Each structure stands twice: as structure tokens, then as C-alpha cells.
Amino acid sequence: MSSTADSHRCVVAERDGALVAMAWVAFTARPPIIGTTGRRSADLQSVFVRPEHRGAGLGVRLVQAAIELARAEGAEHLTVHATPDAAAFYERFGFEPGPTIAQLDLQG
């Protein structure tokens, strides 16, 4: 965590002192535009709840905390790269598929 402290924040859930869920928010500086400097975007990453703790609302609370963190840090946008199975979960928070997002697979 310390190696990415300037660009990433983590929200966690604990039960009885044990880490049971986490979500990361990665912040990216954006180029200035006329009249605006200090622009930032955020990306929600690695949302994970231990299987034995799923269904208790921890994922919902993590995503809500991540959204609030991104707002508090001044991000203009919060994106998430969801699996098809998880897309409906994120849509409940207002995430919408964007018509202008395109992705190039650099590994293939």
C-alpha cells in the first residue's frame, strides 16, 4: 500500500479484527483544460469480499465508501471495469456503460 500511496486509496471492512473485504480507488491526474487545472479521475478497482462474508452488504458499503472517497478527493469521474456478472451490481449505484469508452488490449 505504501508504494502507491500517492495514487491509490484503499477502503476495507473488518470483522473481529480480520480483514474481510476491500476496494481500491486509483486516482489519475488529467491534463488541464482552459480555465481548469488540477483535474483528476478515479477508477474503482479490486472490489473483493471474502466468500464467507458475501451477502451481508459489505460490497455495497465498500462501493458507497469508494464513491464518497472519489468525491472528497475531487475526482471528476469514477470508472469501474466490471465483469458481465457484476455489471448490474454497479448499475445500482448509477454507473452506466459509457458510449465513448474504448479499450485496447495491449497483452494480446
C-alpha atoms as a PDB file:
ATOM      1  CA  MET A   1       0.000   0.000   0.000  1.00  0.00           C
ATOM      2  CA  SER A   2       2.765   2.425   0.813  1.00  0.00           C
ATOM      3  CA  SER A   3       4.296   2.123  -2.662  1.00  0.00           C
ATOM      4  CA  THR A   4       1.120   3.535  -4.274  1.00  0.00           C
ATOM      5  CA  ALA A   5       0.004   5.904  -1.519  1.00  0.00           C
ATOM      6  CA  ASP A   6       0.220   8.922  -3.820  1.00  0.00           C
ATOM      7  CA  SER A   7      -2.167   7.428  -6.401  1.00  0.00           C
ATOM      8  CA  HIS A   8      -4.288   4.764  -4.671  1.00  0.00           C
ATOM      9  CA  ARG A   9      -6.545   4.638  -1.641  1.00  0.00           C
ATOM     10  CA  CYS A  10      -7.999   1.509  -0.098  1.00  0.00           C
ATOM     11  CA  VAL A  11     -11.261   1.105   1.777  1.00  0.00           C
ATOM     12  CA  VAL A  12     -11.655  -2.007   3.885  1.00  0.00           C
ATOM     13  CA  ALA A  13     -14.130  -3.876   6.034  1.00  0.00           C
ATOM     14  CA  GLU A  14     -13.084  -5.738   9.153  1.00  0.00           C
ATOM     15  CA  ARG A  15     -14.870  -8.287  11.303  1.00  0.00           C
ATOM     16  CA  ASP A  16     -13.431  -9.192  14.693  1.00  0.00           C
ATOM     17  CA  GLY A  17     -10.119  -7.603  13.737  1.00  0.00           C
ATOM     18  CA  ALA A  18      -9.768  -9.545  10.480  1.00  0.00           C
ATOM     19  CA  LEU A  19      -9.803  -8.009   7.012  1.00  0.00           C
ATOM     20  CA  VAL A  20     -12.852  -9.408   5.184  1.00  0.00           C
ATOM     21  CA  ALA A  21     -13.357  -7.021   2.261  1.00  0.00           C
ATOM     22  CA  MET A  22     -11.526  -4.327   0.321  1.00  0.00           C
ATOM     23  CA  ALA A  23     -11.822  -1.957  -2.610  1.00  0.00           C
ATOM     24  CA  TRP A  24      -9.199   0.257  -4.209  1.00  0.00           C
ATOM     25  CA  VAL A  25      -9.626   3.648  -5.804  1.00  0.00           C
ATOM     26  CA  ALA A  26      -6.860   4.651  -8.223  1.00  0.00           C
ATOM     27  CA  PHE A  27      -6.530   8.378  -8.902  1.00  0.00           C
ATOM     28  CA  THR A  28      -5.122   9.765 -12.128  1.00  0.00           C
ATOM     29  CA  ALA A  29      -4.167  13.348 -12.878  1.00  0.00           C
ATOM     30  CA  ARG A  30      -5.812  14.694 -16.008  1.00  0.00           C
ATOM     31  CA  PRO A  31      -4.391  17.320 -18.324  1.00  0.00           C
ATOM     32  CA  PRO A  32      -5.571  20.858 -17.655  1.00  0.00           C
ATOM     33  CA  ILE A  33      -8.104  22.477 -19.934  1.00  0.00           C
ATOM     34  CA  ILE A  34      -8.568  26.189 -20.466  1.00  0.00           C
ATOM     35  CA  GLY A  35      -9.600  27.662 -17.148  1.00  0.00           C
ATOM     36  CA  THR A  36      -9.276  24.434 -15.164  1.00  0.00           C
ATOM     37  CA  THR A  37      -6.233  22.868 -13.559  1.00  0.00           C
ATOM     38  CA  GLY A  38      -5.857  20.088 -11.025  1.00  0.00           C
ATOM     39  CA  ARG A  39      -8.279  17.756 -12.772  1.00  0.00           C
ATOM     40  CA  ARG A  40      -8.472  14.146 -11.518  1.00  0.00           C
ATOM     41  CA  SER A  41     -10.221  10.952 -12.480  1.00  0.00           C
ATOM     42  CA  ALA A  42     -10.692   7.859 -10.367  1.00  0.00           C
ATOM     43  CA  ASP A  43     -11.037   4.166 -11.125  1.00  0.00           C
ATOM     44  CA  LEU A  44     -12.644   1.667  -8.753  1.00  0.00           C
ATOM     45  CA  GLN A  45     -10.527  -1.489  -8.678  1.00  0.00           C
ATOM     46  CA  SER A  46     -10.260  -4.860  -6.962  1.00  0.00           C
ATOM     47  CA  VAL A  47     -13.539  -4.861  -5.049  1.00  0.00           C
ATOM     48  CA  PHE A  48     -13.395  -8.104  -3.105  1.00  0.00           C
ATOM     49  CA  VAL A  49     -15.399  -9.636  -0.273  1.00  0.00           C
ATOM     50  CA  ARG A  50     -14.264 -12.938   1.214  1.00  0.00           C
ATOM     51  CA  PRO A  51     -16.739 -15.623   0.111  1.00  0.00           C
ATOM     52  CA  GLU A  52     -17.863 -16.451   3.642  1.00  0.00           C
ATOM     53  CA  HIS A  53     -18.856 -12.780   4.175  1.00  0.00           C
ATOM     54  CA  ARG A  54     -20.767 -12.227   0.930  1.00  0.00           C
ATOM     55  CA  GLY A  55     -24.441 -11.386   1.057  1.00  0.00           C
ATOM     56  CA  ALA A  56     -24.118  -9.207   4.177  1.00  0.00           C
ATOM     57  CA  GLY A  57     -23.972  -5.859   2.368  1.00  0.00           C
ATOM     58  CA  LEU A  58     -20.222  -5.347   2.660  1.00  0.00           C
ATOM     59  CA  GLY A  59     -19.759  -4.881  -1.087  1.00  0.00           C
ATOM     60  CA  VAL A  60     -22.463  -2.222  -1.117  1.00  0.00           C
ATOM     61  CA  ARG A  61     -20.832  -0.354   1.750  1.00  0.00           C
ATOM     62  CA  LEU A  62     -17.392  -0.592   0.132  1.00  0.00           C
ATOM     63  CA  VAL A  63     -18.629   0.844  -3.160  1.00  0.00           C
ATOM     64  CA  GLN A  64     -20.501   3.616  -1.341  1.00  0.00           C
ATOM     65  CA  ALA A  65     -17.317   4.453   0.599  1.00  0.00           C
ATOM     66  CA  ALA A  66     -15.267   4.428  -2.614  1.00  0.00           C
ATOM     67  CA  ILE A  67     -17.732   6.794  -4.310  1.00  0.00           C
ATOM     68  CA  GLU A  68     -17.568   9.190  -1.367  1.00  0.00           C
ATOM     69  CA  LEU A  69     -13.770   8.981  -1.314  1.00  0.00           C
ATOM     70  CA  ALA A  70     -13.567   9.826  -5.024  1.00  0.00           C
ATOM     71  CA  ARG A  71     -15.882  12.808  -4.488  1.00  0.00           C
ATOM     72  CA  ALA A  72     -13.908  14.006  -1.482  1.00  0.00           C
ATOM     73  CA  GLU A  73     -10.665  13.783  -3.468  1.00  0.00           C
ATOM     74  CA  GLY A  74     -12.157  15.946  -6.239  1.00  0.00           C
ATOM     75  CA  ALA A  75     -12.350  13.330  -8.985  1.00  0.00           C
ATOM     76  CA  GLU A  76     -14.452  14.311 -11.989  1.00  0.00           C
ATOM     77  CA  HIS A  77     -15.341  10.716 -12.864  1.00  0.00           C
ATOM     78  CA  LEU A  78     -15.285   7.303 -11.249  1.00  0.00           C
ATOM     79  CA  THR A  79     -14.992   4.362 -13.605  1.00  0.00           C
ATOM     80  CA  VAL A  80     -15.160   0.655 -12.965  1.00  0.00           C
ATOM     81  CA  HIS A  81     -14.206  -2.204 -15.255  1.00  0.00           C
ATOM     82  CA  ALA A  82     -16.853  -4.720 -14.257  1.00  0.00           C
ATOM     83  CA  THR A  83     -17.245  -8.304 -15.299  1.00  0.00           C
ATOM     84  CA  PRO A  84     -20.513  -9.043 -17.094  1.00  0.00           C
ATOM     85  CA  ASP A  85     -21.745 -10.771 -13.913  1.00  0.00           C
ATOM     86  CA  ALA A  86     -21.046  -7.678 -11.800  1.00  0.00           C
ATOM     87  CA  ALA A  87     -22.336  -5.005 -14.208  1.00  0.00           C
ATOM     88  CA  ALA A  88     -25.859  -4.953 -12.720  1.00  0.00           C
ATOM     89  CA  PHE A  89     -24.397  -4.540  -9.218  1.00  0.00           C
ATOM     90  CA  TYR A  90     -22.572  -1.339 -10.238  1.00  0.00           C
ATOM     91  CA  GLU A  91     -25.566  -0.023 -12.183  1.00  0.00           C
ATOM     92  CA  ARG A  92     -27.467   0.130  -8.860  1.00  0.00           C
ATOM     93  CA  PHE A  93     -25.061   2.900  -7.813  1.00  0.00           C
ATOM     94  CA  GLY A  94     -25.566   4.861 -11.022  1.00  0.00           C
ATOM     95  CA  PHE A  95     -22.636   3.537 -13.057  1.00  0.00           C
ATOM     96  CA  GLU A  96     -23.617   3.461 -16.707  1.00  0.00           C
ATOM     97  CA  PRO A  97     -21.895   1.922 -19.696  1.00  0.00           C
ATOM     98  CA  GLY A  98     -20.207   4.793 -21.500  1.00  0.00           C
ATOM     99  CA  PRO A  99     -20.603   5.157 -25.245  1.00  0.00           C
ATOM    100  CA  THR A 100     -17.198   6.834 -25.588  1.00  0.00           C
ATOM    101  CA  ILE A 101     -15.053   4.340 -23.664  1.00  0.00           C
ATOM    102  CA  ALA A 102     -12.901   2.145 -25.835  1.00  0.00           C
ATOM    103  CA  GLN A 103     -10.275  -0.300 -24.694  1.00  0.00           C
ATOM    104  CA  LEU A 104      -7.232  -1.675 -26.468  1.00  0.00           C
ATOM    105  CA  ASP A 105      -5.872  -4.988 -25.205  1.00  0.00           C
ATOM    106  CA  LEU A 106      -2.114  -4.459 -25.024  1.00  0.00           C
ATOM    107  CA  GLN A 107      -1.434  -8.001 -23.812  1.00  0.00           C
ATOM    108  CA  GLY A 108      -2.855  -9.801 -26.848  1.00  0.00           C
END
